[in-house]
């Protein structure tokens, strides 16, 4: 009889959203697991090494194997990243910030692990998307995350109009993100496109000392000085009631 292979586990490790406060964001349970992992799939090598060094100052980074998984990775080679697991070794998947596979690379790797019956262990940690929604006052029972919106101006306007219509039709919060250096441009288009009574939450720098989470109507945003969100990680949520 052919023996059933003994695979390692794939741990999905949340990382910091920014800043240095490990104790606020990462449970001690996660750190105890990380201590015993030596094989990692990461979105960005420098960020991953910095996180591990911050999380556990004595962590033996030079003894670890790091494989990259990002937008430049050839999809045909993703299965090979799991080779240590096939050999019985546990692995960790780390995104650049927050939760792996949520608005970040990794889901293709997890799908392959699912198909191979590899044990997948998601760990608790910060999600800027859910934390923004929690604090927005908008619908947490019915919401949709659109990721990045179109960069073309007319396509962007059409998308925002569609989001606004659907938010009212389905009583549904509409979440999106933007490349931080285009935050101010996106806010400008939202305020020019949406109805005055539509609610907009802007949540920036979540878990940092500069955290900002505010919900106002479009009219209220227009009538008060607007903070500068240039190059700040942010979540945008709109809902027309």
C-alpha atoms as a PDB file:
ATOM      1  CA  UNK A   1       0.000   0.000   0.000  1.00  0.00           C
ATOM      2  CA  UNK A   2       1.302   3.438  -0.966  1.00  0.00           C
ATOM      3  CA  UNK A   3       1.681   5.596   2.156  1.00  0.00           C
ATOM      4  CA  UNK A   4      -0.378   8.789   2.327  1.00  0.00           C
ATOM      5  CA  UNK A   5       2.004  11.766   2.137  1.00  0.00           C
ATOM      6  CA  UNK A   6       2.305  13.871   5.254  1.00  0.00           C
ATOM      7  CA  UNK A   7       2.093  17.513   4.289  1.00  0.00           C
ATOM      8  CA  UNK A   8       3.024  20.539   6.312  1.00  0.00           C
ATOM      9  CA  UNK A   9       0.538  23.326   7.046  1.00  0.00           C
ATOM     10  CA  UNK A  10       0.126  26.682   5.313  1.00  0.00           C
ATOM     11  CA  UNK A  11      -0.262  29.466   7.889  1.00  0.00           C
ATOM     12  CA  UNK A  12      -1.732  32.788   6.759  1.00  0.00           C
ATOM     13  CA  UNK A  13       0.030  35.421   8.871  1.00  0.00           C
ATOM     14  CA  UNK A  14      -1.404  38.960   9.130  1.00  0.00           C
ATOM     15  CA  UNK A  15       1.183  41.722   9.259  1.00  0.00           C
ATOM     16  CA  UNK A  16       1.150  45.316  10.475  1.00  0.00           C
ATOM     17  CA  UNK A  17      -0.826  47.948   8.567  1.00  0.00           C
ATOM     18  CA  UNK A  18       1.999  50.370   9.292  1.00  0.00           C
ATOM     19  CA  UNK A  19       3.815  51.692  12.307  1.00  0.00           C
ATOM     20  CA  UNK A  20       5.533  49.619  14.948  1.00  0.00           C
ATOM     21  CA  UNK A  21       2.869  48.526  17.457  1.00  0.00           C
ATOM     22  CA  UNK A  22       3.072  44.727  17.354  1.00  0.00           C
ATOM     23  CA  UNK A  23       1.188  44.294  20.639  1.00  0.00           C
ATOM     24  CA  UNK A  24      -1.831  46.240  19.374  1.00  0.00           C
ATOM     25  CA  UNK A  25      -2.166  44.342  16.116  1.00  0.00           C
ATOM     26  CA  UNK A  26      -0.636  40.860  16.299  1.00  0.00           C
ATOM     27  CA  UNK A  27      -1.734  38.223  18.854  1.00  0.00           C
ATOM     28  CA  UNK A  28       0.938  36.463  20.892  1.00  0.00           C
ATOM     29  CA  UNK A  29      -0.439  33.157  19.548  1.00  0.00           C
ATOM     30  CA  UNK A  30       0.725  34.156  16.039  1.00  0.00           C
ATOM     31  CA  UNK A  31       4.230  34.934  17.251  1.00  0.00           C
ATOM     32  CA  UNK A  32       4.569  31.550  18.921  1.00  0.00           C
ATOM     33  CA  UNK A  33       3.755  29.875  15.599  1.00  0.00           C
ATOM     34  CA  UNK A  34       6.086  32.125  13.594  1.00  0.00           C
ATOM     35  CA  UNK A  35       8.978  31.133  15.885  1.00  0.00           C
ATOM     36  CA  UNK A  36       8.934  27.651  14.383  1.00  0.00           C
ATOM     37  CA  UNK A  37       8.477  28.569  10.704  1.00  0.00           C
ATOM     38  CA  UNK A  38      11.486  28.709   8.384  1.00  0.00           C
ATOM     39  CA  UNK A  39       9.777  28.756   4.980  1.00  0.00           C
ATOM     40  CA  UNK A  40       7.842  31.814   3.851  1.00  0.00           C
ATOM     41  CA  UNK A  41       5.983  33.019   0.783  1.00  0.00           C
ATOM     42  CA  UNK A  42       5.957  36.813   0.884  1.00  0.00           C
ATOM     43  CA  UNK A  43       4.724  39.731  -1.196  1.00  0.00           C
ATOM     44  CA  UNK A  44       7.820  41.852  -0.640  1.00  0.00           C
ATOM     45  CA  UNK A  45      11.062  40.540   0.835  1.00  0.00           C
ATOM     46  CA  UNK A  46      12.248  43.671   2.626  1.00  0.00           C
ATOM     47  CA  UNK A  47       8.850  44.272   4.268  1.00  0.00           C
ATOM     48  CA  UNK A  48       8.599  40.632   5.377  1.00  0.00           C
ATOM     49  CA  UNK A  49      12.078  40.614   6.909  1.00  0.00           C
ATOM     50  CA  UNK A  50      11.380  43.895   8.714  1.00  0.00           C
ATOM     51  CA  UNK A  51       8.111  42.538  10.111  1.00  0.00           C
ATOM     52  CA  UNK A  52       9.715  39.323  11.369  1.00  0.00           C
ATOM     53  CA  UNK A  53      12.571  41.235  12.961  1.00  0.00           C
ATOM     54  CA  UNK A  54      10.100  43.577  14.659  1.00  0.00           C
ATOM     55  CA  UNK A  55       7.797  40.760  15.789  1.00  0.00           C
ATOM     56  CA  UNK A  56      10.595  38.600  17.199  1.00  0.00           C
ATOM     57  CA  UNK A  57      13.937  40.449  17.582  1.00  0.00           C
ATOM     58  CA  UNK A  58      15.851  37.159  17.924  1.00  0.00           C
ATOM     59  CA  UNK A  59      14.190  35.505  14.912  1.00  0.00           C
ATOM     60  CA  UNK A  60      16.813  33.675  12.779  1.00  0.00           C
ATOM     61  CA  UNK A  61      16.007  35.374   9.479  1.00  0.00           C
ATOM     62  CA  UNK A  62      19.205  34.199   7.795  1.00  0.00           C
ATOM     63  CA  UNK A  63      18.130  30.587   8.336  1.00  0.00           C
ATOM     64  CA  UNK A  64      14.856  31.123   6.462  1.00  0.00           C
ATOM     65  CA  UNK A  65      13.835  30.535   2.880  1.00  0.00           C
ATOM     66  CA  UNK A  66      11.773  33.330   1.301  1.00  0.00           C
ATOM     67  CA  UNK A  67       9.865  32.978  -1.968  1.00  0.00           C
ATOM     68  CA  UNK A  68       8.160  35.942  -3.649  1.00  0.00           C
ATOM     69  CA  UNK A  69       4.496  35.970  -4.657  1.00  0.00           C
ATOM     70  CA  UNK A  70       3.287  39.247  -6.146  1.00  0.00           C
ATOM     71  CA  UNK A  71       1.863  40.699  -9.351  1.00  0.00           C
ATOM     72  CA  UNK A  72       5.066  39.758 -11.222  1.00  0.00           C
ATOM     73  CA  UNK A  73       4.956  36.052 -10.297  1.00  0.00           C
ATOM     74  CA  UNK A  74       4.341  33.638 -13.171  1.00  0.00           C
ATOM     75  CA  UNK A  75       1.070  31.907 -12.346  1.00  0.00           C
ATOM     76  CA  UNK A  76       2.425  28.617 -13.734  1.00  0.00           C
ATOM     77  CA  UNK A  77       5.137  28.528 -11.058  1.00  0.00           C
ATOM     78  CA  UNK A  78       2.939  29.209  -8.016  1.00  0.00           C
ATOM     79  CA  UNK A  79       2.470  25.521  -7.188  1.00  0.00           C
ATOM     80  CA  UNK A  80       6.256  25.161  -6.861  1.00  0.00           C
ATOM     81  CA  UNK A  81       6.211  27.632  -3.963  1.00  0.00           C
ATOM     82  CA  UNK A  82       4.528  24.922  -1.877  1.00  0.00           C
ATOM     83  CA  UNK A  83       7.394  22.424  -2.280  1.00  0.00           C
ATOM     84  CA  UNK A  84       8.458  22.632   1.405  1.00  0.00           C
ATOM     85  CA  UNK A  85       4.890  21.721   2.432  1.00  0.00           C
ATOM     86  CA  UNK A  86       4.971  18.670   0.161  1.00  0.00           C
ATOM     87  CA  UNK A  87       8.111  17.683   2.087  1.00  0.00           C
ATOM     88  CA  UNK A  88       6.327  17.974   5.448  1.00  0.00           C
ATOM     89  CA  UNK A  89       7.485  21.487   6.374  1.00  0.00           C
ATOM     90  CA  UNK A  90       5.122  24.190   7.632  1.00  0.00           C
ATOM     91  CA  UNK A  91       5.041  27.449   5.681  1.00  0.00           C
ATOM     92  CA  UNK A  92       3.874  31.001   6.300  1.00  0.00           C
ATOM     93  CA  UNK A  93       2.206  33.343   3.803  1.00  0.00           C
ATOM     94  CA  UNK A  94       2.745  37.065   4.482  1.00  0.00           C
ATOM     95  CA  UNK A  95       1.353  40.016   2.552  1.00  0.00           C
ATOM     96  CA  UNK A  96       2.949  43.455   2.603  1.00  0.00           C
ATOM     97  CA  UNK A  97       0.319  44.809   5.026  1.00  0.00           C
ATOM     98  CA  UNK A  98      -2.697  43.344   6.797  1.00  0.00           C
ATOM     99  CA  UNK A  99      -4.335  40.074   5.849  1.00  0.00           C
ATOM    100  CA  UNK A 100      -2.944  37.768   3.157  1.00  0.00           C
ATOM    101  CA  UNK A 101      -5.257  37.234   0.164  1.00  0.00           C
ATOM    102  CA  UNK A 102      -7.562  40.154   1.068  1.00  0.00           C
ATOM    103  CA  UNK A 103      -6.845  43.010  -1.368  1.00  0.00           C
ATOM    104  CA  UNK A 104      -3.402  41.396  -1.618  1.00  0.00           C
ATOM    105  CA  UNK A 105      -1.808  38.498  -3.527  1.00  0.00           C
ATOM    106  CA  UNK A 106      -2.024  34.946  -2.258  1.00  0.00           C
ATOM    107  CA  UNK A 107      -5.421  33.516  -3.143  1.00  0.00           C
ATOM    108  CA  UNK A 108      -3.981  31.504  -6.057  1.00  0.00           C
ATOM    109  CA  UNK A 109      -1.525  29.834  -3.697  1.00  0.00           C
ATOM    110  CA  UNK A 110      -4.286  29.082  -1.187  1.00  0.00           C
ATOM    111  CA  UNK A 111      -6.494  27.636  -3.935  1.00  0.00           C
ATOM    112  CA  UNK A 112      -3.734  25.261  -4.979  1.00  0.00           C
ATOM    113  CA  UNK A 113      -3.292  24.277  -1.324  1.00  0.00           C
ATOM    114  CA  UNK A 114      -7.035  23.625  -1.120  1.00  0.00           C
ATOM    115  CA  UNK A 115      -6.880  21.388  -4.189  1.00  0.00           C
ATOM    116  CA  UNK A 116      -3.944  19.470  -2.714  1.00  0.00           C
ATOM    117  CA  UNK A 117      -5.778  18.955   0.621  1.00  0.00           C
ATOM    118  CA  UNK A 118      -3.131  20.937   2.468  1.00  0.00           C
ATOM    119  CA  UNK A 119      -4.188  22.185   5.892  1.00  0.00           C
ATOM    120  CA  UNK A 120      -4.642  25.979   5.735  1.00  0.00           C
ATOM    121  CA  UNK A 121      -4.608  27.959   8.987  1.00  0.00           C
ATOM    122  CA  UNK A 122      -5.815  31.602   8.832  1.00  0.00           C
ATOM    123  CA  UNK A 123      -4.630  33.630  11.806  1.00  0.00           C
ATOM    124  CA  UNK A 124      -6.208  36.633  13.493  1.00  0.00           C
ATOM    125  CA  UNK A 125      -4.882  40.091  12.670  1.00  0.00           C
ATOM    126  CA  UNK A 126      -5.692  43.586  11.415  1.00  0.00           C
ATOM    127  CA  UNK A 127      -7.843  44.222   8.337  1.00  0.00           C
ATOM    128  CA  UNK A 128      -8.064  47.861   7.293  1.00  0.00           C
ATOM    129  CA  UNK A 129     -11.147  47.046   5.235  1.00  0.00           C
ATOM    130  CA  UNK A 130     -13.157  45.564   8.094  1.00  0.00           C
ATOM    131  CA  UNK A 131     -11.853  47.994  10.705  1.00  0.00           C
ATOM    132  CA  UNK A 132     -12.892  50.930   8.514  1.00  0.00           C
ATOM    133  CA  UNK A 133     -16.324  49.404   8.004  1.00  0.00           C
ATOM    134  CA  UNK A 134     -16.712  48.773  11.737  1.00  0.00           C
ATOM    135  CA  UNK A 135     -16.034  52.420  12.540  1.00  0.00           C
ATOM    136  CA  UNK A 136     -17.905  53.987   9.616  1.00  0.00           C
ATOM    137  CA  UNK A 137     -21.472  53.604  10.866  1.00  0.00           C
ATOM    138  CA  UNK A 138     -22.418  52.285   7.415  1.00  0.00           C
ATOM    139  CA  UNK A 139     -23.900  48.890   6.614  1.00  0.00           C
ATOM    140  CA  UNK A 140     -21.878  46.009   8.001  1.00  0.00           C
ATOM    141  CA  UNK A 141     -24.653  43.567   7.111  1.00  0.00           C
ATOM    142  CA  UNK A 142     -24.519  44.156   3.366  1.00  0.00           C
ATOM    143  CA  UNK A 143     -21.392  45.507   1.700  1.00  0.00           C
ATOM    144  CA  UNK A 144     -19.175  45.027  -1.335  1.00  0.00           C
ATOM    145  CA  UNK A 145     -15.460  45.669  -1.774  1.00  0.00           C
ATOM    146  CA  UNK A 146     -14.486  46.916  -5.235  1.00  0.00           C
ATOM    147  CA  UNK A 147     -10.724  47.066  -4.772  1.00  0.00           C
ATOM    148  CA  UNK A 148      -9.080  49.665  -6.998  1.00  0.00           C
ATOM    149  CA  UNK A 149     -11.366  51.763  -9.185  1.00  0.00           C
ATOM    150  CA  UNK A 150     -10.627  52.650 -12.842  1.00  0.00           C
ATOM    151  CA  UNK A 151      -7.930  55.242 -13.499  1.00  0.00           C
ATOM    152  CA  UNK A 152      -9.633  56.595 -16.615  1.00  0.00           C
ATOM    153  CA  UNK A 153     -11.647  59.670 -15.577  1.00  0.00           C
ATOM    154  CA  UNK A 154     -14.903  58.826 -17.357  1.00  0.00           C
ATOM    155  CA  UNK A 155     -14.742  55.166 -16.356  1.00  0.00           C
ATOM    156  CA  UNK A 156     -14.132  56.263 -12.773  1.00  0.00           C
ATOM    157  CA  UNK A 157     -17.146  58.578 -12.782  1.00  0.00           C
ATOM    158  CA  UNK A 158     -19.360  55.823 -14.222  1.00  0.00           C
ATOM    159  CA  UNK A 159     -18.136  53.366 -11.593  1.00  0.00           C
ATOM    160  CA  UNK A 160     -18.811  55.771  -8.723  1.00  0.00           C
ATOM    161  CA  UNK A 161     -22.292  56.510 -10.079  1.00  0.00           C
ATOM    162  CA  UNK A 162     -22.994  52.773 -10.279  1.00  0.00           C
ATOM    163  CA  UNK A 163     -21.727  52.270  -6.718  1.00  0.00           C
ATOM    164  CA  UNK A 164     -23.967  55.065  -5.459  1.00  0.00           C
ATOM    165  CA  UNK A 165     -27.047  53.643  -7.196  1.00  0.00           C
ATOM    166  CA  UNK A 166     -26.388  50.131  -5.913  1.00  0.00           C
ATOM    167  CA  UNK A 167     -25.734  51.384  -2.392  1.00  0.00           C
ATOM    168  CA  UNK A 168     -29.242  52.822  -2.235  1.00  0.00           C
ATOM    169  CA  UNK A 169     -30.934  50.033  -4.173  1.00  0.00           C
ATOM    170  CA  UNK A 170     -29.473  47.255  -2.023  1.00  0.00           C
ATOM    171  CA  UNK A 171     -28.864  49.231   1.192  1.00  0.00           C
ATOM    172  CA  UNK A 172     -25.265  48.260   0.705  1.00  0.00           C
ATOM    173  CA  UNK A 173     -22.022  49.917   1.750  1.00  0.00           C
ATOM    174  CA  UNK A 174     -19.566  50.302  -1.148  1.00  0.00           C
ATOM    175  CA  UNK A 175     -15.871  50.010  -0.267  1.00  0.00           C
ATOM    176  CA  UNK A 176     -12.842  50.810  -2.392  1.00  0.00           C
ATOM    177  CA  UNK A 177      -9.163  51.683  -2.153  1.00  0.00           C
ATOM    178  CA  UNK A 178      -6.786  53.796  -4.198  1.00  0.00           C
ATOM    179  CA  UNK A 179      -3.059  54.055  -4.722  1.00  0.00           C
ATOM    180  CA  UNK A 180      -2.142  56.471  -1.900  1.00  0.00           C
ATOM    181  CA  UNK A 181      -0.699  59.170  -4.147  1.00  0.00           C
ATOM    182  CA  UNK A 182      -4.067  59.384  -5.959  1.00  0.00           C
ATOM    183  CA  UNK A 183      -6.245  59.615  -2.829  1.00  0.00           C
ATOM    184  CA  UNK A 184      -6.967  63.311  -3.145  1.00  0.00           C
ATOM    185  CA  UNK A 185      -7.954  62.990  -6.800  1.00  0.00           C
ATOM    186  CA  UNK A 186     -10.362  60.154  -5.979  1.00  0.00           C
ATOM    187  CA  UNK A 187     -11.973  62.143  -3.170  1.00  0.00           C
ATOM    188  CA  UNK A 188     -12.393  65.104  -5.516  1.00  0.00           C
ATOM    189  CA  UNK A 189     -14.188  62.948  -8.109  1.00  0.00           C
ATOM    190  CA  UNK A 190     -16.429  61.339  -5.468  1.00  0.00           C
ATOM    191  CA  UNK A 191     -17.472  64.727  -4.084  1.00  0.00           C
ATOM    192  CA  UNK A 192     -18.195  66.068  -7.568  1.00  0.00           C
ATOM    193  CA  UNK A 193     -20.076  62.942  -8.680  1.00  0.00           C
ATOM    194  CA  UNK A 194     -22.212  61.841  -5.733  1.00  0.00           C
ATOM    195  CA  UNK A 195     -25.431  63.349  -4.433  1.00  0.00           C
ATOM    196  CA  UNK A 196     -25.184  65.803  -1.484  1.00  0.00           C
ATOM    197  CA  UNK A 197     -26.927  63.391   0.914  1.00  0.00           C
ATOM    198  CA  UNK A 198     -24.740  60.397   0.079  1.00  0.00           C
ATOM    199  CA  UNK A 199     -22.568  59.354   3.019  1.00  0.00           C
ATOM    200  CA  UNK A 200     -18.823  59.015   2.567  1.00  0.00           C
ATOM    201  CA  UNK A 201     -16.420  57.548   5.110  1.00  0.00           C
ATOM    202  CA  UNK A 202     -12.719  58.225   4.733  1.00  0.00           C
ATOM    203  CA  UNK A 203     -10.549  55.966   6.906  1.00  0.00           C
ATOM    204  CA  UNK A 204      -6.805  56.562   6.817  1.00  0.00           C
ATOM    205  CA  UNK A 205      -3.758  55.299   8.722  1.00  0.00           C
ATOM    206  CA  UNK A 206      -5.742  52.668  10.591  1.00  0.00           C
ATOM    207  CA  UNK A 207      -3.963  51.389  13.765  1.00  0.00           C
ATOM    208  CA  UNK A 208      -1.401  54.221  13.526  1.00  0.00           C
ATOM    209  CA  UNK A 209      -1.131  57.175  15.904  1.00  0.00           C
ATOM    210  CA  UNK A 210      -2.463  59.353  13.053  1.00  0.00           C
ATOM    211  CA  UNK A 211      -5.566  57.192  12.555  1.00  0.00           C
ATOM    212  CA  UNK A 212      -8.451  59.112  10.978  1.00  0.00           C
ATOM    213  CA  UNK A 213     -11.946  57.659  10.443  1.00  0.00           C
ATOM    214  CA  UNK A 214     -14.765  60.092   9.675  1.00  0.00           C
ATOM    215  CA  UNK A 215     -18.167  59.724   8.017  1.00  0.00           C
ATOM    216  CA  UNK A 216     -20.018  62.744   6.612  1.00  0.00           C
ATOM    217  CA  UNK A 217     -22.460  63.496   3.840  1.00  0.00           C
ATOM    218  CA  UNK A 218     -20.983  64.703   0.573  1.00  0.00           C
ATOM    219  CA  UNK A 219     -22.434  68.139   1.313  1.00  0.00           C
ATOM    220  CA  UNK A 220     -20.721  68.203   4.719  1.00  0.00           C
ATOM    221  CA  UNK A 221     -17.376  67.175   3.229  1.00  0.00           C
ATOM    222  CA  UNK A 222     -17.683  69.976   0.676  1.00  0.00           C
ATOM    223  CA  UNK A 223     -18.514  72.617   3.273  1.00  0.00           C
ATOM    224  CA  UNK A 224     -15.547  71.981   5.574  1.00  0.00           C
ATOM    225  CA  UNK A 225     -11.752  71.986   5.102  1.00  0.00           C
ATOM    226  CA  UNK A 226     -10.610  68.665   3.703  1.00  0.00           C
ATOM    227  CA  UNK A 227      -7.558  66.985   5.262  1.00  0.00           C
ATOM    228  CA  UNK A 228      -4.706  66.079   2.957  1.00  0.00           C
ATOM    229  CA  UNK A 229      -4.735  62.316   2.353  1.00  0.00           C
ATOM    230  CA  UNK A 230      -1.856  62.294  -0.135  1.00  0.00           C
ATOM    231  CA  UNK A 231       0.278  59.148   0.247  1.00  0.00           C
ATOM    232  CA  UNK A 232      -1.718  57.913   3.260  1.00  0.00           C
ATOM    233  CA  UNK A 233      -3.121  54.347   3.185  1.00  0.00           C
ATOM    234  CA  UNK A 234      -6.886  54.794   3.102  1.00  0.00           C
ATOM    235  CA  UNK A 235     -10.229  53.040   2.690  1.00  0.00           C
ATOM    236  CA  UNK A 236     -13.224  54.801   1.132  1.00  0.00           C
ATOM    237  CA  UNK A 237     -16.823  53.784   1.865  1.00  0.00           C
ATOM    238  CA  UNK A 238     -19.926  55.347   0.389  1.00  0.00           C
ATOM    239  CA  UNK A 239     -23.603  54.667   0.895  1.00  0.00           C
ATOM    240  CA  UNK A 240     -26.701  56.522  -0.229  1.00  0.00           C
ATOM    241  CA  UNK A 241     -29.633  55.969   2.092  1.00  0.00           C
END
